[in-house]
């Protein structure tokens, strides 16, 4: 089964053994090394909330604030998040909780990232043509002359 792994940092427990024997030295200690997103087509809101360690009401609020986050709704009205939606949630969480962005700033940052992803770089065409056009025209005229001489 394929999985997506995304690094997550925040303040939290490193491990029970280390917490009892040593003092916490940094406020930015990793809570867990990464969030593992299972390879599924759809996730319910409760699954996304537990994966991302967020309450479901936060996810519902973020849907109103971030246009990139648009889960589809099932026939019963349940929110069904796609894998890219879950990845967006993780990215939004990082921008807000770790990088210190405001909601407006995070929205702008995500919009800029999408714009930069859409811009394509130019294909690496050679500056000077590899084949001389005049030489190519001459070769084609010779072929035409050979073919017309056969009749």
N, C-alpha and C. Protein backbone atom coordinates (compact mmCIF):
# COMPACT_ATOMS: atom_id res chain seq x y z
N UNK A 1 0.85 -1.17 0.00
CA UNK A 1 0.00 0.00 0.00
C UNK A 1 0.89 1.24 0.00
N UNK A 2 0.61 2.18 -0.91
CA UNK A 2 1.38 3.41 -0.99
C UNK A 2 0.91 4.38 0.07
N UNK A 3 1.82 5.17 0.60
CA UNK A 3 1.48 6.16 1.62
C UNK A 3 2.22 7.44 1.33
N UNK A 4 1.66 8.54 1.75
CA UNK A 4 2.32 9.83 1.66
C UNK A 4 2.79 10.20 3.05
N UNK A 5 4.03 10.61 3.16
CA UNK A 5 4.57 11.00 4.46
C UNK A 5 4.86 12.49 4.42
N UNK A 6 4.37 13.21 5.42
CA UNK A 6 4.54 14.65 5.50
C UNK A 6 5.10 14.97 6.88
N UNK A 7 6.18 15.75 6.91
CA UNK A 7 6.80 16.11 8.18
C UNK A 7 5.88 17.02 8.96
N UNK A 8 5.80 16.81 10.26
CA UNK A 8 5.01 17.69 11.12
C UNK A 8 5.86 18.03 12.33
N UNK A 9 5.91 19.32 12.65
CA UNK A 9 6.61 19.78 13.83
C UNK A 9 5.66 20.58 14.69
N UNK A 10 5.85 20.54 15.95
CA UNK A 10 5.03 21.29 16.88
C UNK A 10 5.52 20.97 18.28
N UNK A 11 4.89 21.53 19.29
CA UNK A 11 5.32 21.18 20.63
C UNK A 11 4.46 20.04 21.13
N UNK A 12 5.08 19.08 21.76
CA UNK A 12 4.35 17.93 22.24
C UNK A 12 5.31 16.92 22.85
N UNK A 13 4.82 15.75 23.11
CA UNK A 13 5.62 14.71 23.75
C UNK A 13 6.55 14.06 22.74
N UNK A 14 7.79 13.86 23.13
CA UNK A 14 8.73 13.12 22.30
C UNK A 14 8.62 11.64 22.62
N UNK A 15 8.55 11.33 23.86
CA UNK A 15 8.40 9.94 24.29
C UNK A 15 8.29 9.92 25.80
N UNK A 16 7.62 8.96 26.34
CA UNK A 16 7.39 8.91 27.78
C UNK A 16 8.70 8.74 28.54
N UNK A 17 9.61 7.90 28.01
CA UNK A 17 10.87 7.67 28.70
C UNK A 17 11.72 8.94 28.77
N UNK A 18 11.81 9.65 27.68
CA UNK A 18 12.64 10.85 27.67
C UNK A 18 12.03 11.98 28.49
N UNK A 19 10.73 12.04 28.56
CA UNK A 19 10.09 13.11 29.32
C UNK A 19 10.33 12.94 30.82
N UNK A 20 10.37 11.72 31.29
CA UNK A 20 10.53 11.52 32.72
C UNK A 20 11.98 11.71 33.16
N UNK A 21 12.94 11.51 32.25
CA UNK A 21 14.34 11.59 32.63
C UNK A 21 15.00 12.92 32.30
N UNK A 22 14.46 13.65 31.36
CA UNK A 22 15.11 14.90 30.98
C UNK A 22 14.09 16.02 30.84
N UNK A 23 14.61 17.25 30.98
CA UNK A 23 13.73 18.40 30.83
C UNK A 23 13.54 18.69 29.35
N UNK A 24 12.45 19.31 29.07
CA UNK A 24 12.17 19.70 27.70
C UNK A 24 13.06 20.90 27.38
N UNK A 25 13.88 20.78 26.34
CA UNK A 25 14.85 21.83 26.04
C UNK A 25 14.35 22.80 24.98
N UNK A 26 13.43 22.37 24.15
CA UNK A 26 12.98 23.22 23.06
C UNK A 26 11.46 23.21 22.99
N UNK A 27 10.91 24.36 22.67
CA UNK A 27 9.46 24.43 22.51
C UNK A 27 9.03 23.85 21.18
N UNK A 28 9.94 23.73 20.22
CA UNK A 28 9.62 23.24 18.90
C UNK A 28 10.06 21.79 18.72
N UNK A 29 9.92 20.98 19.73
CA UNK A 29 10.27 19.57 19.61
C UNK A 29 9.25 18.87 18.73
N UNK A 30 9.66 17.89 17.94
CA UNK A 30 8.70 17.23 17.07
C UNK A 30 7.67 16.43 17.85
N UNK A 31 6.40 16.64 17.52
CA UNK A 31 5.33 15.90 18.17
C UNK A 31 5.36 14.46 17.70
N UNK A 32 5.43 14.29 16.41
CA UNK A 32 5.66 12.99 15.81
C UNK A 32 6.44 13.27 14.54
N UNK A 33 7.24 12.34 14.10
CA UNK A 33 8.10 12.63 12.98
C UNK A 33 7.34 13.03 11.70
N UNK A 34 6.19 12.46 11.46
CA UNK A 34 5.47 12.77 10.23
C UNK A 34 4.03 12.29 10.32
N UNK A 35 3.22 12.88 9.46
CA UNK A 35 1.84 12.42 9.32
C UNK A 35 1.82 11.46 8.15
N UNK A 36 1.28 10.29 8.35
CA UNK A 36 1.19 9.30 7.29
C UNK A 36 -0.23 9.31 6.75
N UNK A 37 -0.36 9.66 5.47
CA UNK A 37 -1.66 9.71 4.84
C UNK A 37 -1.84 8.40 4.06
N UNK A 38 -2.78 7.57 4.48
CA UNK A 38 -2.99 6.31 3.77
C UNK A 38 -3.42 6.55 2.32
N UNK A 39 -3.15 5.57 1.46
CA UNK A 39 -3.49 5.69 0.06
C UNK A 39 -4.95 5.25 -0.14
N UNK A 40 -5.86 6.19 0.09
CA UNK A 40 -7.29 5.95 -0.07
C UNK A 40 -7.86 7.02 -0.98
N UNK A 41 -9.00 6.76 -1.57
CA UNK A 41 -9.64 7.77 -2.41
C UNK A 41 -10.27 8.87 -1.58
N UNK A 42 -10.99 8.50 -0.53
CA UNK A 42 -11.71 9.48 0.27
C UNK A 42 -11.50 9.24 1.76
N UNK A 43 -11.54 10.34 2.51
CA UNK A 43 -11.43 10.30 3.97
C UNK A 43 -12.61 11.06 4.55
N UNK A 44 -13.19 10.54 5.60
CA UNK A 44 -14.25 11.28 6.31
C UNK A 44 -13.61 12.34 7.18
N UNK A 45 -14.40 13.29 7.61
CA UNK A 45 -13.87 14.41 8.38
C UNK A 45 -13.23 13.95 9.69
N UNK A 46 -13.79 12.93 10.31
CA UNK A 46 -13.21 12.40 11.55
C UNK A 46 -11.85 11.77 11.32
N UNK A 47 -11.68 11.10 10.18
CA UNK A 47 -10.39 10.51 9.85
C UNK A 47 -9.34 11.59 9.62
N UNK A 48 -9.73 12.64 8.90
CA UNK A 48 -8.79 13.74 8.64
C UNK A 48 -8.44 14.45 9.95
N UNK A 49 -9.44 14.64 10.81
CA UNK A 49 -9.20 15.30 12.09
C UNK A 49 -8.21 14.50 12.94
N UNK A 50 -8.37 13.18 12.98
CA UNK A 50 -7.43 12.39 13.79
C UNK A 50 -6.06 12.29 13.13
N UNK A 51 -6.01 12.21 11.80
CA UNK A 51 -4.72 12.18 11.11
C UNK A 51 -3.92 13.45 11.37
N UNK A 52 -4.60 14.59 11.28
CA UNK A 52 -3.93 15.89 11.39
C UNK A 52 -3.91 16.43 12.81
N UNK A 53 -4.49 15.70 13.74
CA UNK A 53 -4.55 16.11 15.15
C UNK A 53 -5.21 17.48 15.29
N UNK A 54 -6.39 17.60 14.68
CA UNK A 54 -7.17 18.82 14.73
C UNK A 54 -8.62 18.47 15.05
N UNK A 55 -9.34 19.34 15.73
CA UNK A 55 -10.78 19.09 15.93
C UNK A 55 -11.53 19.27 14.60
N UNK A 56 -12.62 18.56 14.45
CA UNK A 56 -13.40 18.62 13.21
C UNK A 56 -13.93 20.03 12.94
N UNK A 57 -14.26 20.78 13.99
CA UNK A 57 -14.80 22.13 13.77
C UNK A 57 -13.77 23.05 13.14
N UNK A 58 -12.48 22.80 13.40
CA UNK A 58 -11.43 23.59 12.77
C UNK A 58 -11.41 23.32 11.27
N UNK A 59 -11.55 22.06 10.89
CA UNK A 59 -11.58 21.72 9.47
C UNK A 59 -12.77 22.37 8.78
N UNK A 60 -13.93 22.34 9.43
CA UNK A 60 -15.11 22.97 8.85
C UNK A 60 -14.91 24.49 8.71
N UNK A 61 -14.27 25.11 9.70
CA UNK A 61 -13.99 26.54 9.62
C UNK A 61 -13.01 26.84 8.49
N UNK A 62 -11.96 26.03 8.36
CA UNK A 62 -10.98 26.25 7.31
C UNK A 62 -11.60 26.13 5.92
N UNK A 63 -12.63 25.30 5.78
CA UNK A 63 -13.31 25.19 4.49
C UNK A 63 -13.90 26.53 4.08
N UNK A 64 -14.35 27.33 5.06
CA UNK A 64 -14.92 28.63 4.74
C UNK A 64 -13.84 29.67 4.46
N UNK A 65 -12.64 29.46 4.95
CA UNK A 65 -11.56 30.45 4.84
C UNK A 65 -10.60 30.19 3.69
N UNK A 66 -10.45 28.95 3.27
CA UNK A 66 -9.48 28.59 2.24
C UNK A 66 -10.21 27.98 1.04
N UNK A 67 -10.22 28.69 -0.08
CA UNK A 67 -10.94 28.16 -1.25
C UNK A 67 -10.32 26.88 -1.81
N UNK A 68 -9.05 26.60 -1.49
CA UNK A 68 -8.41 25.38 -1.97
C UNK A 68 -8.97 24.14 -1.29
N UNK A 69 -9.59 24.31 -0.16
CA UNK A 69 -10.08 23.20 0.64
C UNK A 69 -11.58 23.02 0.37
N UNK A 70 -11.90 22.14 -0.55
CA UNK A 70 -13.29 21.91 -0.94
C UNK A 70 -13.59 20.42 -0.97
N UNK A 71 -13.87 19.81 0.17
CA UNK A 71 -14.22 18.39 0.13
C UNK A 71 -15.60 18.20 -0.52
N UNK A 72 -15.74 17.09 -1.22
CA UNK A 72 -17.04 16.79 -1.81
C UNK A 72 -17.94 16.22 -0.71
N UNK A 73 -19.23 16.30 -0.93
CA UNK A 73 -20.17 15.76 0.04
C UNK A 73 -20.82 14.52 -0.54
N UNK A 74 -20.96 13.50 0.31
CA UNK A 74 -21.58 12.26 -0.13
C UNK A 74 -23.09 12.45 -0.23
N UNK A 75 -23.78 11.42 -0.67
CA UNK A 75 -25.24 11.51 -0.79
C UNK A 75 -25.91 11.69 0.57
N UNK A 76 -25.20 11.28 1.64
CA UNK A 76 -25.74 11.47 2.98
C UNK A 76 -25.32 12.79 3.60
N UNK A 77 -24.56 13.60 2.86
CA UNK A 77 -24.15 14.91 3.35
C UNK A 77 -22.83 14.92 4.10
N UNK A 78 -22.14 13.77 4.16
CA UNK A 78 -20.85 13.74 4.87
C UNK A 78 -19.75 14.32 4.00
N UNK A 79 -18.84 15.04 4.62
CA UNK A 79 -17.70 15.59 3.90
C UNK A 79 -16.74 14.45 3.58
N UNK A 80 -16.35 14.38 2.32
CA UNK A 80 -15.41 13.36 1.88
C UNK A 80 -14.18 14.07 1.32
N UNK A 81 -13.07 13.98 2.07
CA UNK A 81 -11.84 14.65 1.69
C UNK A 81 -11.02 13.74 0.78
N UNK A 82 -10.50 14.31 -0.29
CA UNK A 82 -9.57 13.58 -1.15
C UNK A 82 -8.17 13.70 -0.58
N UNK A 83 -7.24 12.94 -1.13
CA UNK A 83 -5.87 12.96 -0.62
C UNK A 83 -5.27 14.36 -0.73
N UNK A 84 -5.53 15.03 -1.84
CA UNK A 84 -4.97 16.39 -1.99
C UNK A 84 -5.59 17.36 -0.99
N UNK A 85 -6.85 17.13 -0.59
CA UNK A 85 -7.46 17.95 0.45
C UNK A 85 -6.75 17.75 1.78
N UNK A 86 -6.42 16.50 2.09
CA UNK A 86 -5.71 16.20 3.34
C UNK A 86 -4.32 16.84 3.31
N UNK A 87 -3.65 16.78 2.15
CA UNK A 87 -2.35 17.43 2.03
C UNK A 87 -2.48 18.94 2.20
N UNK A 88 -3.57 19.51 1.70
CA UNK A 88 -3.81 20.95 1.90
C UNK A 88 -4.03 21.27 3.37
N UNK A 89 -4.75 20.41 4.08
CA UNK A 89 -4.97 20.62 5.51
C UNK A 89 -3.64 20.63 6.25
N UNK A 90 -2.77 19.69 5.92
CA UNK A 90 -1.46 19.62 6.57
C UNK A 90 -0.66 20.88 6.27
N UNK A 91 -0.71 21.35 5.03
CA UNK A 91 0.02 22.56 4.64
C UNK A 91 -0.54 23.78 5.37
N UNK A 92 -1.87 23.89 5.44
CA UNK A 92 -2.49 25.01 6.15
C UNK A 92 -2.12 24.98 7.62
N UNK A 93 -2.14 23.80 8.22
CA UNK A 93 -1.79 23.67 9.63
C UNK A 93 -0.36 24.14 9.87
N UNK A 94 0.55 23.75 8.97
CA UNK A 94 1.95 24.17 9.11
C UNK A 94 2.08 25.69 9.01
N UNK A 95 1.39 26.28 8.02
CA UNK A 95 1.47 27.73 7.86
C UNK A 95 0.93 28.47 9.08
N UNK A 96 -0.19 28.00 9.62
CA UNK A 96 -0.82 28.70 10.73
C UNK A 96 -0.13 28.44 12.06
N UNK A 97 0.13 27.17 12.36
CA UNK A 97 0.60 26.81 13.69
C UNK A 97 2.11 26.89 13.85
N UNK A 98 2.85 26.60 12.80
CA UNK A 98 4.31 26.58 12.92
C UNK A 98 4.97 27.82 12.37
N UNK A 99 4.52 28.26 11.18
CA UNK A 99 5.16 29.41 10.55
C UNK A 99 4.61 30.74 11.04
N UNK A 100 3.51 30.70 11.78
CA UNK A 100 2.98 31.91 12.39
C UNK A 100 2.19 32.82 11.46
N UNK A 101 1.69 32.30 10.35
CA UNK A 101 0.90 33.10 9.44
C UNK A 101 -0.49 33.36 10.04
N UNK A 102 -1.08 34.48 9.66
CA UNK A 102 -2.49 34.70 9.96
C UNK A 102 -3.29 33.94 8.91
N UNK A 103 -4.59 33.88 9.08
CA UNK A 103 -5.41 33.18 8.08
C UNK A 103 -5.31 33.88 6.73
N UNK A 104 -5.37 35.20 6.74
CA UNK A 104 -5.25 35.95 5.48
C UNK A 104 -3.88 35.73 4.86
N UNK A 105 -2.83 35.75 5.68
CA UNK A 105 -1.48 35.52 5.17
C UNK A 105 -1.30 34.12 4.63
N UNK A 106 -1.86 33.12 5.30
CA UNK A 106 -1.76 31.73 4.83
C UNK A 106 -2.52 31.57 3.52
N UNK A 107 -3.68 32.21 3.42
CA UNK A 107 -4.46 32.15 2.17
C UNK A 107 -3.65 32.74 1.02
N UNK A 108 -3.02 33.89 1.27
CA UNK A 108 -2.20 34.53 0.24
C UNK A 108 -1.01 33.66 -0.13
N UNK A 109 -0.36 33.07 0.86
CA UNK A 109 0.79 32.21 0.62
C UNK A 109 0.40 31.00 -0.24
N UNK A 110 -0.71 30.38 0.06
CA UNK A 110 -1.17 29.23 -0.72
C UNK A 110 -1.51 29.65 -2.15
N UNK A 111 -2.12 30.81 -2.30
CA UNK A 111 -2.45 31.32 -3.64
C UNK A 111 -1.17 31.55 -4.45
N UNK A 112 -0.14 32.10 -3.81
CA UNK A 112 1.14 32.33 -4.49
C UNK A 112 1.81 31.02 -4.87
N UNK A 113 1.73 30.02 -3.99
CA UNK A 113 2.32 28.71 -4.30
C UNK A 113 1.63 28.08 -5.49
N UNK A 114 0.31 28.23 -5.58
CA UNK A 114 -0.43 27.67 -6.71
C UNK A 114 -0.05 28.39 -8.00
N UNK A 115 0.10 29.72 -7.93
CA UNK A 115 0.51 30.48 -9.11
C UNK A 115 1.88 30.05 -9.59
N UNK A 116 2.82 29.86 -8.67
CA UNK A 116 4.17 29.48 -9.07
C UNK A 116 4.19 28.06 -9.63
N UNK A 117 3.29 27.19 -9.17
CA UNK A 117 3.22 25.84 -9.72
C UNK A 117 2.66 25.85 -11.14
N UNK A 118 1.77 26.80 -11.43
CA UNK A 118 1.14 26.85 -12.75
C UNK A 118 2.04 27.43 -13.81
N UNK A 119 2.96 28.31 -13.43
CA UNK A 119 3.84 28.91 -14.43
C UNK A 119 4.82 27.87 -14.91
N UNK A 120 4.88 27.73 -16.22
CA UNK A 120 5.77 26.74 -16.81
C UNK A 120 7.03 27.43 -17.29
N UNK A 121 8.11 26.71 -17.21
CA UNK A 121 9.34 27.25 -17.75
C UNK A 121 9.36 26.97 -19.25
N UNK A 122 10.04 27.82 -19.99
CA UNK A 122 10.11 27.68 -21.43
C UNK A 122 10.90 26.42 -21.78
N UNK A 123 10.52 25.82 -22.89
CA UNK A 123 11.25 24.65 -23.35
C UNK A 123 12.64 25.08 -23.81
N UNK A 124 13.62 24.26 -23.58
CA UNK A 124 15.00 24.65 -23.91
C UNK A 124 15.31 24.50 -25.41
N UNK A 125 14.73 25.39 -26.22
CA UNK A 125 15.04 25.38 -27.65
C UNK A 125 16.40 26.02 -27.85
N UNK A 126 17.15 25.51 -28.80
CA UNK A 126 18.47 26.11 -29.05
C UNK A 126 18.30 27.52 -29.61
N UNK A 127 19.24 28.38 -29.25
CA UNK A 127 19.17 29.77 -29.70
C UNK A 127 19.41 29.85 -31.20
N UNK A 128 20.39 29.13 -31.69
CA UNK A 128 20.63 29.08 -33.13
C UNK A 128 20.09 27.76 -33.65
N UNK A 129 19.44 27.79 -34.78
CA UNK A 129 18.90 26.53 -35.29
C UNK A 129 20.02 25.56 -35.62
N UNK A 130 19.78 24.31 -35.30
CA UNK A 130 20.80 23.28 -35.53
C UNK A 130 20.96 23.00 -37.02
N UNK A 131 19.88 23.13 -37.78
CA UNK A 131 19.93 22.87 -39.21
C UNK A 131 19.77 24.20 -39.94
N UNK A 132 20.65 24.46 -40.86
CA UNK A 132 20.56 25.67 -41.66
C UNK A 132 19.38 25.55 -42.60
N UNK A 133 18.49 26.53 -42.58
CA UNK A 133 17.27 26.48 -43.38
C UNK A 133 17.60 26.46 -44.87
N UNK A 134 18.58 27.24 -45.26
CA UNK A 134 18.95 27.28 -46.68
C UNK A 134 19.47 25.92 -47.14
N UNK A 135 20.24 25.27 -46.29
CA UNK A 135 20.77 23.94 -46.63
C UNK A 135 19.62 22.94 -46.74
N UNK A 136 18.67 23.01 -45.83
CA UNK A 136 17.52 22.12 -45.85
C UNK A 136 16.69 22.33 -47.11
N UNK A 137 16.48 23.60 -47.49
CA UNK A 137 15.73 23.91 -48.71
C UNK A 137 16.44 23.34 -49.93
N UNK A 138 17.75 23.48 -49.99
CA UNK A 138 18.53 22.95 -51.11
C UNK A 138 18.38 21.42 -51.20
N UNK A 139 18.46 20.74 -50.06
CA UNK A 139 18.31 19.28 -50.03
C UNK A 139 16.93 18.87 -50.53
N UNK A 140 15.88 19.58 -50.10
CA UNK A 140 14.53 19.27 -50.54
C UNK A 140 14.35 19.50 -52.04
N UNK A 141 14.98 20.54 -52.58
CA UNK A 141 14.90 20.81 -54.02
C UNK A 141 15.59 19.70 -54.81
N UNK A 142 16.70 19.19 -54.27
CA UNK A 142 17.37 18.08 -54.94
C UNK A 142 16.49 16.83 -54.95
N UNK A 143 15.82 16.56 -53.85
CA UNK A 143 14.92 15.41 -53.79
C UNK A 143 13.76 15.60 -54.78
N UNK A 144 13.23 16.81 -54.86
CA UNK A 144 12.15 17.11 -55.79
C UNK A 144 12.62 16.92 -57.23
N UNK A 145 13.85 17.36 -57.53
CA UNK A 145 14.42 17.23 -58.87
C UNK A 145 14.58 15.75 -59.25
N UNK A 146 15.05 14.94 -58.29
CA UNK A 146 15.24 13.49 -58.52
C UNK A 146 13.88 12.84 -58.78
N UNK A 147 12.89 13.19 -58.00
CA UNK A 147 11.56 12.58 -58.17
C UNK A 147 10.89 13.04 -59.47
N UNK A 148 11.06 14.27 -59.86
CA UNK A 148 10.44 14.75 -61.10
C UNK A 148 11.17 14.24 -62.33
N UNK A 149 12.44 13.88 -62.25
CA UNK A 149 13.21 13.35 -63.36
C UNK A 149 12.79 11.93 -63.67
N UNK A 150 12.20 11.21 -62.79
CA UNK A 150 11.80 9.82 -63.01
C UNK A 150 10.62 9.72 -63.97
N UNK A 151 9.87 10.74 -64.18
CA UNK A 151 8.67 10.66 -65.02
C UNK A 151 9.01 10.96 -66.41
